[in-house]
Amino acid sequence: MFFKRYDLTYTSHENGFVTVSQIRDYLLPKAKNSRDKAVFMACEIAYKAVVSRLPSADQSMPRGDYVALKAQQNQALCYVKVCIRRTNFFRRTPVVGVNYWETLAIKITSIAAQILAPS
């Protein structure tokens, strides 16, 4: 398996950025009830935090600082979990799928960093 240094962290960052834009530009203006609006607002804040954490993870990769990379990815994952906790999985919104894919991308990067990090 070939591991491209920037692909996974870039994917997580790009997904987070697109998610913030979609929540702000599409989901919030079209939310019909206050419950959905509150969820989307919480997720927008959470994903802004995700986006702000991932550039430093990108910078850790070429330096070979896999311990820092894993820590930064795990911190970003905590913010995604904020959105997951606010989202009702059984009441489908577009955020449910985004949370799944973002979590997956971050976890894969974190596992790769764990493998590459010195013991």
PDB file of N, CA and C in Angstrom:
ATOM      1  N   MET A   1       0.843  -1.185   0.000  1.00  0.00           N
ATOM      2  CA  MET A   1       0.000   0.000   0.000  1.00  0.00           C
ATOM      3  C   MET A   1       0.883   1.241   0.000  1.00  0.00           C
ATOM      4  N   PHE A   2       0.598   2.148  -0.892  1.00  0.00           N
ATOM      5  CA  PHE A   2       1.340   3.393  -0.956  1.00  0.00           C
ATOM      6  C   PHE A   2       0.562   4.469  -0.227  1.00  0.00           C
ATOM      7  N   PHE A   3       1.235   5.180   0.638  1.00  0.00           N
ATOM      8  CA  PHE A   3       0.605   6.222   1.435  1.00  0.00           C
ATOM      9  C   PHE A   3       1.108   7.561   0.938  1.00  0.00           C
ATOM     10  N   LYS A   4       0.258   8.317   0.277  1.00  0.00           N
ATOM     11  CA  LYS A   4       0.648   9.640  -0.180  1.00  0.00           C
ATOM     12  C   LYS A   4       0.572  10.581   1.011  1.00  0.00           C
ATOM     13  N   ARG A   5       1.608  11.343   1.170  1.00  0.00           N
ATOM     14  CA  ARG A   5       1.761  12.130   2.392  1.00  0.00           C
ATOM     15  C   ARG A   5       0.637  13.125   2.616  1.00  0.00           C
ATOM     16  N   TYR A   6       0.113  13.736   1.582  1.00  0.00           N
ATOM     17  CA  TYR A   6      -0.839  14.817   1.788  1.00  0.00           C
ATOM     18  C   TYR A   6      -2.288  14.414   1.526  1.00  0.00           C
ATOM     19  N   ASP A   7      -2.523  13.313   0.875  1.00  0.00           N
ATOM     20  CA  ASP A   7      -3.866  12.996   0.402  1.00  0.00           C
ATOM     21  C   ASP A   7      -4.924  12.967   1.497  1.00  0.00           C
ATOM     22  N   LEU A   8      -4.682  12.231   2.574  1.00  0.00           N
ATOM     23  CA  LEU A   8      -5.720  12.063   3.578  1.00  0.00           C
ATOM     24  C   LEU A   8      -5.975  13.325   4.387  1.00  0.00           C
ATOM     25  N   THR A   9      -4.915  14.021   4.795  1.00  0.00           N
ATOM     26  CA  THR A   9      -5.140  15.244   5.548  1.00  0.00           C
ATOM     27  C   THR A   9      -5.758  16.308   4.649  1.00  0.00           C
ATOM     28  N   TYR A  10      -5.346  16.347   3.395  1.00  0.00           N
ATOM     29  CA  TYR A  10      -5.944  17.298   2.460  1.00  0.00           C
ATOM     30  C   TYR A  10      -7.428  16.990   2.258  1.00  0.00           C
ATOM     31  N   THR A  11      -7.762  15.713   2.103  1.00  0.00           N
ATOM     32  CA  THR A  11      -9.149  15.312   1.920  1.00  0.00           C
ATOM     33  C   THR A  11      -9.987  15.731   3.117  1.00  0.00           C
ATOM     34  N   SER A  12      -9.507  15.491   4.318  1.00  0.00           N
ATOM     35  CA  SER A  12     -10.237  15.881   5.517  1.00  0.00           C
ATOM     36  C   SER A  12     -10.440  17.391   5.562  1.00  0.00           C
ATOM     37  N   HIS A  13      -9.385  18.125   5.248  1.00  0.00           N
ATOM     38  CA  HIS A  13      -9.462  19.592   5.272  1.00  0.00           C
ATOM     39  C   HIS A  13     -10.445  20.094   4.222  1.00  0.00           C
ATOM     40  N   GLU A  14     -10.332  19.576   3.016  1.00  0.00           N
ATOM     41  CA  GLU A  14     -11.217  20.000   1.924  1.00  0.00           C
ATOM     42  C   GLU A  14     -12.670  19.648   2.247  1.00  0.00           C
ATOM     43  N   ASN A  15     -12.910  18.441   2.757  1.00  0.00           N
ATOM     44  CA  ASN A  15     -14.269  18.045   3.129  1.00  0.00           C
ATOM     45  C   ASN A  15     -14.833  18.970   4.202  1.00  0.00           C
ATOM     46  N   GLY A  16     -14.016  19.294   5.186  1.00  0.00           N
ATOM     47  CA  GLY A  16     -14.461  20.200   6.246  1.00  0.00           C
ATOM     48  C   GLY A  16     -14.804  21.573   5.711  1.00  0.00           C
ATOM     49  N   PHE A  17     -13.957  22.090   4.825  1.00  0.00           N
ATOM     50  CA  PHE A  17     -14.199  23.411   4.239  1.00  0.00           C
ATOM     51  C   PHE A  17     -15.491  23.420   3.418  1.00  0.00           C
ATOM     52  N   VAL A  18     -15.689  22.391   2.608  1.00  0.00           N
ATOM     53  CA  VAL A  18     -16.900  22.288   1.796  1.00  0.00           C
ATOM     54  C   VAL A  18     -18.131  22.147   2.695  1.00  0.00           C
ATOM     55  N   THR A  19     -17.997  21.396   3.776  1.00  0.00           N
ATOM     56  CA  THR A  19     -19.112  21.217   4.706  1.00  0.00           C
ATOM     57  C   THR A  19     -19.520  22.538   5.341  1.00  0.00           C
ATOM     58  N   VAL A  20     -18.549  23.329   5.782  1.00  0.00           N
ATOM     59  CA  VAL A  20     -18.858  24.651   6.351  1.00  0.00           C
ATOM     60  C   VAL A  20     -19.603  25.490   5.330  1.00  0.00           C
ATOM     61  N   SER A  21     -19.131  25.492   4.093  1.00  0.00           N
ATOM     62  CA  SER A  21     -19.782  26.280   3.038  1.00  0.00           C
ATOM     63  C   SER A  21     -21.204  25.805   2.772  1.00  0.00           C
ATOM     64  N   GLN A  22     -21.394  24.492   2.710  1.00  0.00           N
ATOM     65  CA  GLN A  22     -22.735  23.969   2.437  1.00  0.00           C
ATOM     66  C   GLN A  22     -23.700  24.251   3.579  1.00  0.00           C
ATOM     67  N   ILE A  23     -23.220  24.132   4.805  1.00  0.00           N
ATOM     68  CA  ILE A  23     -24.082  24.441   5.948  1.00  0.00           C
ATOM     69  C   ILE A  23     -24.465  25.914   5.914  1.00  0.00           C
ATOM     70  N   ARG A  24     -23.486  26.780   5.748  1.00  0.00           N
ATOM     71  CA  ARG A  24     -23.722  28.224   5.780  1.00  0.00           C
ATOM     72  C   ARG A  24     -24.584  28.694   4.609  1.00  0.00           C
ATOM     73  N   ASP A  25     -24.283  28.199   3.405  1.00  0.00           N
ATOM     74  CA  ASP A  25     -24.931  28.724   2.200  1.00  0.00           C
ATOM     75  C   ASP A  25     -26.220  28.010   1.821  1.00  0.00           C
ATOM     76  N   TYR A  26     -26.377  26.754   2.258  1.00  0.00           N
ATOM     77  CA  TYR A  26     -27.525  25.982   1.798  1.00  0.00           C
ATOM     78  C   TYR A  26     -28.413  25.490   2.944  1.00  0.00           C
ATOM     79  N   LEU A  27     -27.826  24.775   3.903  1.00  0.00           N
ATOM     80  CA  LEU A  27     -28.641  24.135   4.931  1.00  0.00           C
ATOM     81  C   LEU A  27     -29.261  25.131   5.910  1.00  0.00           C
ATOM     82  N   LEU A  28     -28.468  26.066   6.422  1.00  0.00           N
ATOM     83  CA  LEU A  28     -29.031  27.037   7.371  1.00  0.00           C
ATOM     84  C   LEU A  28     -30.144  27.893   6.763  1.00  0.00           C
ATOM     85  N   PRO A  29     -29.956  28.458   5.574  1.00  0.00           N
ATOM     86  CA  PRO A  29     -31.039  29.271   5.008  1.00  0.00           C
ATOM     87  C   PRO A  29     -32.314  28.472   4.705  1.00  0.00           C
ATOM     88  N   LYS A  30     -32.179  27.182   4.434  1.00  0.00           N
ATOM     89  CA  LYS A  30     -33.344  26.372   4.067  1.00  0.00           C
ATOM     90  C   LYS A  30     -33.922  25.583   5.240  1.00  0.00           C
ATOM     91  N   ALA A  31     -33.315  25.681   6.419  1.00  0.00           N
ATOM     92  CA  ALA A  31     -33.827  24.951   7.587  1.00  0.00           C
ATOM     93  C   ALA A  31     -35.225  25.454   7.922  1.00  0.00           C
ATOM     94  N   LYS A  32     -36.149  24.520   8.058  1.00  0.00           N
ATOM     95  CA  LYS A  32     -37.557  24.882   8.269  1.00  0.00           C
ATOM     96  C   LYS A  32     -37.938  24.957   9.753  1.00  0.00           C
ATOM     97  N   ASN A  33     -37.202  24.259  10.600  1.00  0.00           N
ATOM     98  CA  ASN A  33     -37.563  24.332  12.021  1.00  0.00           C
ATOM     99  C   ASN A  33     -36.338  24.675  12.863  1.00  0.00           C
ATOM    100  N   SER A  34     -36.604  25.107  14.080  1.00  0.00           N
ATOM    101  CA  SER A  34     -35.528  25.589  14.948  1.00  0.00           C
ATOM    102  C   SER A  34     -34.585  24.460  15.367  1.00  0.00           C
ATOM    103  N   ARG A  35     -35.091  23.236  15.458  1.00  0.00           N
ATOM    104  CA  ARG A  35     -34.246  22.098  15.833  1.00  0.00           C
ATOM    105  C   ARG A  35     -33.173  21.848  14.773  1.00  0.00           C
ATOM    106  N   ASP A  36     -33.578  21.800  13.504  1.00  0.00           N
ATOM    107  CA  ASP A  36     -32.601  21.618  12.427  1.00  0.00           C
ATOM    108  C   ASP A  36     -31.614  22.776  12.391  1.00  0.00           C
ATOM    109  N   LYS A  37     -32.127  23.984  12.558  1.00  0.00           N
ATOM    110  CA  LYS A  37     -31.260  25.162  12.518  1.00  0.00           C
ATOM    111  C   LYS A  37     -30.211  25.090  13.631  1.00  0.00           C
ATOM    112  N   ALA A  38     -30.611  24.669  14.820  1.00  0.00           N
ATOM    113  CA  ALA A  38     -29.664  24.554  15.940  1.00  0.00           C
ATOM    114  C   ALA A  38     -28.593  23.507  15.649  1.00  0.00           C
ATOM    115  N   VAL A  39     -29.005  22.376  15.065  1.00  0.00           N
ATOM    116  CA  VAL A  39     -28.041  21.325  14.706  1.00  0.00           C
ATOM    117  C   VAL A  39     -27.062  21.848  13.667  1.00  0.00           C
ATOM    118  N   PHE A  40     -27.572  22.495  12.634  1.00  0.00           N
ATOM    119  CA  PHE A  40     -26.699  23.000  11.572  1.00  0.00           C
ATOM    120  C   PHE A  40     -25.741  24.062  12.099  1.00  0.00           C
ATOM    121  N   MET A  41     -26.216  24.911  13.011  1.00  0.00           N
ATOM    122  CA  MET A  41     -25.337  25.933  13.582  1.00  0.00           C
ATOM    123  C   MET A  41     -24.227  25.292  14.415  1.00  0.00           C
ATOM    124  N   ALA A  42     -24.574  24.279  15.218  1.00  0.00           N
ATOM    125  CA  ALA A  42     -23.570  23.585  16.026  1.00  0.00           C
ATOM    126  C   ALA A  42     -22.552  22.890  15.122  1.00  0.00           C
ATOM    127  N   CYS A  43     -23.035  22.282  14.049  1.00  0.00           N
ATOM    128  CA  CYS A  43     -22.134  21.594  13.120  1.00  0.00           C
ATOM    129  C   CYS A  43     -21.255  22.580  12.358  1.00  0.00           C
ATOM    130  N   GLU A  44     -21.789  23.728  12.024  1.00  0.00           N
ATOM    131  CA  GLU A  44     -20.970  24.746  11.342  1.00  0.00           C
ATOM    132  C   GLU A  44     -19.810  25.165  12.242  1.00  0.00           C
ATOM    133  N   ILE A  45     -20.095  25.411  13.510  1.00  0.00           N
ATOM    134  CA  ILE A  45     -19.041  25.797  14.456  1.00  0.00           C
ATOM    135  C   ILE A  45     -18.023  24.664  14.606  1.00  0.00           C
ATOM    136  N   ALA A  46     -18.524  23.434  14.723  1.00  0.00           N
ATOM    137  CA  ALA A  46     -17.632  22.281  14.881  1.00  0.00           C
ATOM    138  C   ALA A  46     -16.733  22.106  13.666  1.00  0.00           C
ATOM    139  N   TYR A  47     -17.306  22.214  12.475  1.00  0.00           N
ATOM    140  CA  TYR A  47     -16.499  22.019  11.266  1.00  0.00           C
ATOM    141  C   TYR A  47     -15.540  23.177  11.016  1.00  0.00           C
ATOM    142  N   LYS A  48     -15.867  24.372  11.473  1.00  0.00           N
ATOM    143  CA  LYS A  48     -14.891  25.465  11.400  1.00  0.00           C
ATOM    144  C   LYS A  48     -13.675  25.135  12.258  1.00  0.00           C
ATOM    145  N   ALA A  49     -13.912  24.516  13.409  1.00  0.00           N
ATOM    146  CA  ALA A  49     -12.803  24.094  14.268  1.00  0.00           C
ATOM    147  C   ALA A  49     -11.990  22.982  13.605  1.00  0.00           C
ATOM    148  N   VAL A  50     -12.682  22.061  12.930  1.00  0.00           N
ATOM    149  CA  VAL A  50     -11.986  20.991  12.200  1.00  0.00           C
ATOM    150  C   VAL A  50     -11.069  21.611  11.152  1.00  0.00           C
ATOM    151  N   VAL A  51     -11.611  22.512  10.369  1.00  0.00           N
ATOM    152  CA  VAL A  51     -10.845  23.158   9.291  1.00  0.00           C
ATOM    153  C   VAL A  51      -9.644  23.914   9.861  1.00  0.00           C
ATOM    154  N   SER A  52      -9.800  24.516  11.018  1.00  0.00           N
ATOM    155  CA  SER A  52      -8.686  25.284  11.597  1.00  0.00           C
ATOM    156  C   SER A  52      -7.579  24.375  12.144  1.00  0.00           C
ATOM    157  N   ARG A  53      -7.892  23.126  12.483  1.00  0.00           N
ATOM    158  CA  ARG A  53      -6.893  22.204  13.034  1.00  0.00           C
ATOM    159  C   ARG A  53      -6.090  21.469  11.961  1.00  0.00           C
ATOM    160  N   LEU A  54      -6.685  21.229  10.824  1.00  0.00           N
ATOM    161  CA  LEU A  54      -6.058  20.344   9.846  1.00  0.00           C
ATOM    162  C   LEU A  54      -4.859  20.929   9.088  1.00  0.00           C
ATOM    163  N   PRO A  55      -4.742  22.236   8.885  1.00  0.00           N
ATOM    164  CA  PRO A  55      -3.512  22.723   8.236  1.00  0.00           C
ATOM    165  C   PRO A  55      -2.249  22.386   9.036  1.00  0.00           C
ATOM    166  N   SER A  56      -2.330  22.441  10.355  1.00  0.00           N
ATOM    167  CA  SER A  56      -1.142  22.079  11.139  1.00  0.00           C
ATOM    168  C   SER A  56      -0.851  20.586  11.014  1.00  0.00           C
ATOM    169  N   ALA A  57      -1.890  19.780  10.826  1.00  0.00           N
ATOM    170  CA  ALA A  57      -1.661  18.355  10.571  1.00  0.00           C
ATOM    171  C   ALA A  57      -0.960  18.169   9.229  1.00  0.00           C
ATOM    172  N   ASP A  58      -1.385  18.933   8.234  1.00  0.00           N
ATOM    173  CA  ASP A  58      -0.729  18.895   6.925  1.00  0.00           C
ATOM    174  C   ASP A  58       0.757  19.227   7.048  1.00  0.00           C
ATOM    175  N   GLN A  59       1.080  20.192   7.890  1.00  0.00           N
ATOM    176  CA  GLN A  59       2.472  20.604   8.051  1.00  0.00           C
ATOM    177  C   GLN A  59       3.294  19.573   8.826  1.00  0.00           C
ATOM    178  N   SER A  60       2.640  18.808   9.678  1.00  0.00           N
ATOM    179  CA  SER A  60       3.356  17.779  10.453  1.00  0.00           C
ATOM    180  C   SER A  60       3.807  16.620   9.582  1.00  0.00           C
ATOM    181  N   MET A  61       3.042  16.331   8.554  1.00  0.00           N
ATOM    182  CA  MET A  61       3.325  15.171   7.707  1.00  0.00           C
ATOM    183  C   MET A  61       4.697  15.270   7.024  1.00  0.00           C
ATOM    184  N   PRO A  62       5.004  16.334   6.294  1.00  0.00           N
ATOM    185  CA  PRO A  62       6.310  16.366   5.619  1.00  0.00           C
ATOM    186  C   PRO A  62       7.488  16.454   6.591  1.00  0.00           C
ATOM    187  N   ARG A  63       7.232  16.967   7.789  1.00  0.00           N
ATOM    188  CA  ARG A  63       8.303  17.022   8.800  1.00  0.00           C
ATOM    189  C   ARG A  63       8.537  15.664   9.441  1.00  0.00           C
ATOM    190  N   GLY A  64       7.646  14.729   9.173  1.00  0.00           N
ATOM    191  CA  GLY A  64       7.776  13.414   9.786  1.00  0.00           C
ATOM    192  C   GLY A  64       7.368  13.400  11.245  1.00  0.00           C
ATOM    193  N   ASP A  65       6.634  14.414  11.668  1.00  0.00           N
ATOM    194  CA  ASP A  65       6.178  14.513  13.059  1.00  0.00           C
ATOM    195  C   ASP A  65       4.824  13.816  13.176  1.00  0.00           C
ATOM    196  N   TYR A  66       4.866  12.496  13.173  1.00  0.00           N
ATOM    197  CA  TYR A  66       3.637  11.706  13.147  1.00  0.00           C
ATOM    198  C   TYR A  66       2.904  11.711  14.484  1.00  0.00           C
ATOM    199  N   VAL A  67       3.627  11.946  15.547  1.00  0.00           N
ATOM    200  CA  VAL A  67       2.983  12.056  16.862  1.00  0.00           C
ATOM    201  C   VAL A  67       2.094  13.302  16.878  1.00  0.00           C
ATOM    202  N   ALA A  68       2.632  14.420  16.395  1.00  0.00           N
ATOM    203  CA  ALA A  68       1.834  15.649  16.319  1.00  0.00           C
ATOM    204  C   ALA A  68       0.685  15.486  15.335  1.00  0.00           C
ATOM    205  N   LEU A  69       0.940  14.817  14.224  1.00  0.00           N
ATOM    206  CA  LEU A  69      -0.112  14.579  13.234  1.00  0.00           C
ATOM    207  C   LEU A  69      -1.272  13.817  13.857  1.00  0.00           C
ATOM    208  N   LYS A  70      -0.951  12.762  14.565  1.00  0.00           N
ATOM    209  CA  LYS A  70      -2.002  11.957  15.203  1.00  0.00           C
ATOM    210  C   LYS A  70      -2.771  12.794  16.225  1.00  0.00           C
ATOM    211  N   ALA A  71      -2.067  13.584  17.013  1.00  0.00           N
ATOM    212  CA  ALA A  71      -2.723  14.428  18.019  1.00  0.00           C
ATOM    213  C   ALA A  71      -3.651  15.451  17.364  1.00  0.00           C
ATOM    214  N   GLN A  72      -3.193  16.060  16.279  1.00  0.00           N
ATOM    215  CA  GLN A  72      -4.013  17.058  15.589  1.00  0.00           C
ATOM    216  C   GLN A  72      -5.227  16.415  14.929  1.00  0.00           C
ATOM    217  N   GLN A  73      -5.045  15.237  14.357  1.00  0.00           N
ATOM    218  CA  GLN A  73      -6.169  14.521  13.755  1.00  0.00           C
ATOM    219  C   GLN A  73      -7.185  14.129  14.828  1.00  0.00           C
ATOM    220  N   ASN A  74      -6.705  13.660  15.967  1.00  0.00           N
ATOM    221  CA  ASN A  74      -7.612  13.280  17.043  1.00  0.00           C
ATOM    222  C   ASN A  74      -8.366  14.483  17.596  1.00  0.00           C
ATOM    223  N   GLN A  75      -7.708  15.628  17.639  1.00  0.00           N
ATOM    224  CA  GLN A  75      -8.374  16.848  18.079  1.00  0.00           C
ATOM    225  C   GLN A  75      -9.472  17.238  17.083  1.00  0.00           C
ATOM    226  N   ALA A  76      -9.180  17.132  15.801  1.00  0.00           N
ATOM    227  CA  ALA A  76     -10.195  17.420  14.778  1.00  0.00           C
ATOM    228  C   ALA A  76     -11.359  16.441  14.896  1.00  0.00           C
ATOM    229  N   LEU A  77     -11.042  15.194  15.172  1.00  0.00           N
ATOM    230  CA  LEU A  77     -12.084  14.179  15.319  1.00  0.00           C
ATOM    231  C   LEU A  77     -13.020  14.505  16.482  1.00  0.00           C
ATOM    232  N   CYS A  78     -12.490  15.071  17.553  1.00  0.00           N
ATOM    233  CA  CYS A  78     -13.336  15.481  18.686  1.00  0.00           C
ATOM    234  C   CYS A  78     -14.371  16.513  18.247  1.00  0.00           C
ATOM    235  N   TYR A  79     -13.977  17.416  17.365  1.00  0.00           N
ATOM    236  CA  TYR A  79     -14.923  18.422  16.879  1.00  0.00           C
ATOM    237  C   TYR A  79     -15.985  17.812  15.970  1.00  0.00           C
ATOM    238  N   VAL A  80     -15.594  16.833  15.162  1.00  0.00           N
ATOM    239  CA  VAL A  80     -16.582  16.140  14.335  1.00  0.00           C
ATOM    240  C   VAL A  80     -17.590  15.440  15.241  1.00  0.00           C
ATOM    241  N   LYS A  81     -17.103  14.878  16.340  1.00  0.00           N
ATOM    242  CA  LYS A  81     -17.991  14.183  17.269  1.00  0.00           C
ATOM    243  C   LYS A  81     -19.003  15.126  17.912  1.00  0.00           C
ATOM    244  N   VAL A  82     -18.655  16.393  18.060  1.00  0.00           N
ATOM    245  CA  VAL A  82     -19.621  17.386  18.547  1.00  0.00           C
ATOM    246  C   VAL A  82     -20.819  17.433  17.600  1.00  0.00           C
ATOM    247  N   CYS A  83     -20.544  17.465  16.323  1.00  0.00           N
ATOM    248  CA  CYS A  83     -21.611  17.487  15.325  1.00  0.00           C
ATOM    249  C   CYS A  83     -22.385  16.167  15.336  1.00  0.00           C
ATOM    250  N   ILE A  84     -21.681  15.065  15.474  1.00  0.00           N
ATOM    251  CA  ILE A  84     -22.339  13.754  15.509  1.00  0.00           C
ATOM    252  C   ILE A  84     -23.305  13.676  16.686  1.00  0.00           C
ATOM    253  N   ARG A  85     -22.876  14.152  17.850  1.00  0.00           N
ATOM    254  CA  ARG A  85     -23.744  14.096  19.032  1.00  0.00           C
ATOM    255  C   ARG A  85     -24.999  14.959  18.868  1.00  0.00           C
ATOM    256  N   ARG A  86     -24.876  16.040  18.119  1.00  0.00           N
ATOM    257  CA  ARG A  86     -26.032  16.934  17.924  1.00  0.00           C
ATOM    258  C   ARG A  86     -26.980  16.435  16.842  1.00  0.00           C
ATOM    259  N   THR A  87     -26.511  15.525  16.011  1.00  0.00           N
ATOM    260  CA  THR A  87     -27.300  15.055  14.877  1.00  0.00           C
ATOM    261  C   THR A  87     -28.033  13.777  15.245  1.00  0.00           C
ATOM    262  N   ASN A  88     -29.318  13.748  14.962  1.00  0.00           N
ATOM    263  CA  ASN A  88     -30.112  12.543  15.182  1.00  0.00           C
ATOM    264  C   ASN A  88     -29.933  11.647  13.963  1.00  0.00           C
ATOM    265  N   PHE A  89     -29.271  10.514  14.167  1.00  0.00           N
ATOM    266  CA  PHE A  89     -28.961   9.616  13.062  1.00  0.00           C
ATOM    267  C   PHE A  89     -30.223   9.120  12.356  1.00  0.00           C
ATOM    268  N   PHE A  90     -31.311   8.989  13.091  1.00  0.00           N
ATOM    269  CA  PHE A  90     -32.542   8.454  12.511  1.00  0.00           C
ATOM    270  C   PHE A  90     -33.385   9.521  11.822  1.00  0.00           C
ATOM    271  N   ARG A  91     -33.028  10.757  11.993  1.00  0.00           N
ATOM    272  CA  ARG A  91     -33.695  11.856  11.286  1.00  0.00           C
ATOM    273  C   ARG A  91     -32.675  12.387  10.285  1.00  0.00           C
ATOM    274  N   ARG A  92     -32.669  11.792   9.127  1.00  0.00           N
ATOM    275  CA  ARG A  92     -31.600  12.026   8.150  1.00  0.00           C
ATOM    276  C   ARG A  92     -31.547  13.471   7.676  1.00  0.00           C
ATOM    277  N   THR A  93     -30.364  14.029   7.794  1.00  0.00           N
ATOM    278  CA  THR A  93     -30.034  15.307   7.173  1.00  0.00           C
ATOM    279  C   THR A  93     -28.737  15.076   6.405  1.00  0.00           C
ATOM    280  N   PRO A  94     -28.375  15.972   5.524  1.00  0.00           N
ATOM    281  CA  PRO A  94     -27.116  15.795   4.785  1.00  0.00           C
ATOM    282  C   PRO A  94     -25.891  15.717   5.690  1.00  0.00           C
ATOM    283  N   VAL A  95     -25.994  16.233   6.890  1.00  0.00           N
ATOM    284  CA  VAL A  95     -24.851  16.253   7.799  1.00  0.00           C
ATOM    285  C   VAL A  95     -24.494  14.843   8.276  1.00  0.00           C
ATOM    286  N   VAL A  96     -25.446  13.941   8.343  1.00  0.00           N
ATOM    287  CA  VAL A  96     -25.178  12.583   8.817  1.00  0.00           C
ATOM    288  C   VAL A  96     -24.132  11.903   7.933  1.00  0.00           C
ATOM    289  N   GLY A  97     -24.303  11.967   6.635  1.00  0.00           N
ATOM    290  CA  GLY A  97     -23.345  11.364   5.716  1.00  0.00           C
ATOM    291  C   GLY A  97     -21.993  12.045   5.764  1.00  0.00           C
ATOM    292  N   VAL A  98     -21.996  13.358   5.848  1.00  0.00           N
ATOM    293  CA  VAL A  98     -20.742  14.116   5.912  1.00  0.00           C
ATOM    294  C   VAL A  98     -19.960  13.715   7.154  1.00  0.00           C
ATOM    295  N   ASN A  99     -20.661  13.596   8.281  1.00  0.00           N
ATOM    296  CA  ASN A  99     -19.992  13.193   9.527  1.00  0.00           C
ATOM    297  C   ASN A  99     -19.319  11.837   9.365  1.00  0.00           C
ATOM    298  N   TYR A 100     -20.000  10.918   8.705  1.00  0.00           N
ATOM    299  CA  TYR A 100     -19.448   9.571   8.506  1.00  0.00           C
ATOM    300  C   TYR A 100     -18.158   9.637   7.697  1.00  0.00           C
ATOM    301  N   TRP A 101     -18.181  10.302   6.562  1.00  0.00           N
ATOM    302  CA  TRP A 101     -17.005  10.338   5.682  1.00  0.00           C
ATOM    303  C   TRP A 101     -15.862  11.133   6.291  1.00  0.00           C
ATOM    304  N   GLU A 102     -16.177  12.213   6.979  1.00  0.00           N
ATOM    305  CA  GLU A 102     -15.114  13.003   7.619  1.00  0.00           C
ATOM    306  C   GLU A 102     -14.465  12.200   8.740  1.00  0.00           C
ATOM    307  N   THR A 103     -15.272  11.521   9.530  1.00  0.00           N
ATOM    308  CA  THR A 103     -14.735  10.675  10.599  1.00  0.00           C
ATOM    309  C   THR A 103     -13.834   9.598  10.020  1.00  0.00           C
ATOM    310  N   LEU A 104     -14.276   8.975   8.955  1.00  0.00           N
ATOM    311  CA  LEU A 104     -13.496   7.921   8.318  1.00  0.00           C
ATOM    312  C   LEU A 104     -12.143   8.444   7.824  1.00  0.00           C
ATOM    313  N   ALA A 105     -12.144   9.574   7.125  1.00  0.00           N
ATOM    314  CA  ALA A 105     -10.891  10.136   6.602  1.00  0.00           C
ATOM    315  C   ALA A 105      -9.934  10.504   7.728  1.00  0.00           C
ATOM    316  N   ILE A 106     -10.458  11.096   8.795  1.00  0.00           N
ATOM    317  CA  ILE A 106      -9.599  11.489   9.917  1.00  0.00           C
ATOM    318  C   ILE A 106      -9.048  10.260  10.631  1.00  0.00           C
ATOM    319  N   LYS A 107      -9.883   9.248  10.839  1.00  0.00           N
ATOM    320  CA  LYS A 107      -9.421   8.040  11.518  1.00  0.00           C
ATOM    321  C   LYS A 107      -8.351   7.310  10.709  1.00  0.00           C
ATOM    322  N   ILE A 108      -8.516   7.254   9.403  1.00  0.00           N
ATOM    323  CA  ILE A 108      -7.509   6.597   8.560  1.00  0.00           C
ATOM    324  C   ILE A 108      -6.172   7.318   8.687  1.00  0.00           C
ATOM    325  N   THR A 109      -6.191   8.633   8.652  1.00  0.00           N
ATOM    326  CA  THR A 109      -4.956   9.401   8.795  1.00  0.00           C
ATOM    327  C   THR A 109      -4.347   9.189  10.174  1.00  0.00           C
ATOM    328  N   SER A 110      -5.185   9.166  11.183  1.00  0.00           N
ATOM    329  CA  SER A 110      -4.701   8.963  12.544  1.00  0.00           C
ATOM    330  C   SER A 110      -4.061   7.578  12.705  1.00  0.00           C
ATOM    331  N   ILE A 111      -4.674   6.566  12.117  1.00  0.00           N
ATOM    332  CA  ILE A 111      -4.109   5.207  12.177  1.00  0.00           C
ATOM    333  C   ILE A 111      -2.778   5.154  11.424  1.00  0.00           C
ATOM    334  N   ALA A 112      -2.724   5.791  10.266  1.00  0.00           N
ATOM    335  CA  ALA A 112      -1.459   5.839   9.507  1.00  0.00           C
ATOM    336  C   ALA A 112      -0.375   6.523  10.319  1.00  0.00           C
ATOM    337  N   ALA A 113      -0.728   7.621  10.986  1.00  0.00           N
ATOM    338  CA  ALA A 113       0.250   8.329  11.821  1.00  0.00           C
ATOM    339  C   ALA A 113       0.712   7.444  12.971  1.00  0.00           C
ATOM    340  N   GLN A 114      -0.204   6.667  13.545  1.00  0.00           N
ATOM    341  CA  GLN A 114       0.155   5.766  14.634  1.00  0.00           C
ATOM    342  C   GLN A 114       1.157   4.715  14.148  1.00  0.00           C
ATOM    343  N   ILE A 115       0.938   4.204  12.953  1.00  0.00           N
ATOM    344  CA  ILE A 115       1.844   3.195  12.384  1.00  0.00           C
ATOM    345  C   ILE A 115       3.212   3.810  12.106  1.00  0.00           C
ATOM    346  N   LEU A 116       3.225   5.022  11.587  1.00  0.00           N
ATOM    347  CA  LEU A 116       4.481   5.672  11.211  1.00  0.00           C
ATOM    348  C   LEU A 116       5.237   6.293  12.392  1.00  0.00           C
ATOM    349  N   ALA A 117       4.515   6.577  13.472  1.00  0.00           N
ATOM    350  CA  ALA A 117       5.148   7.229  14.629  1.00  0.00           C
ATOM    351  C   ALA A 117       6.120   6.273  15.308  1.00  0.00           C
ATOM    352  N   PRO A 118       7.239   6.811  15.748  1.00  0.00           N
ATOM    353  CA  PRO A 118       8.187   5.954  16.482  1.00  0.00           C
ATOM    354  C   PRO A 118       7.571   5.531  17.815  1.00  0.00           C
ATOM    355  N   SER A 119       7.907   4.329  18.217  1.00  0.00           N
ATOM    356  CA  SER A 119       7.348   3.795  19.478  1.00  0.00           C
ATOM    357  C   SER A 119       7.984   4.436  20.685  1.00  0.00           C
TER     358      SER A 119
END
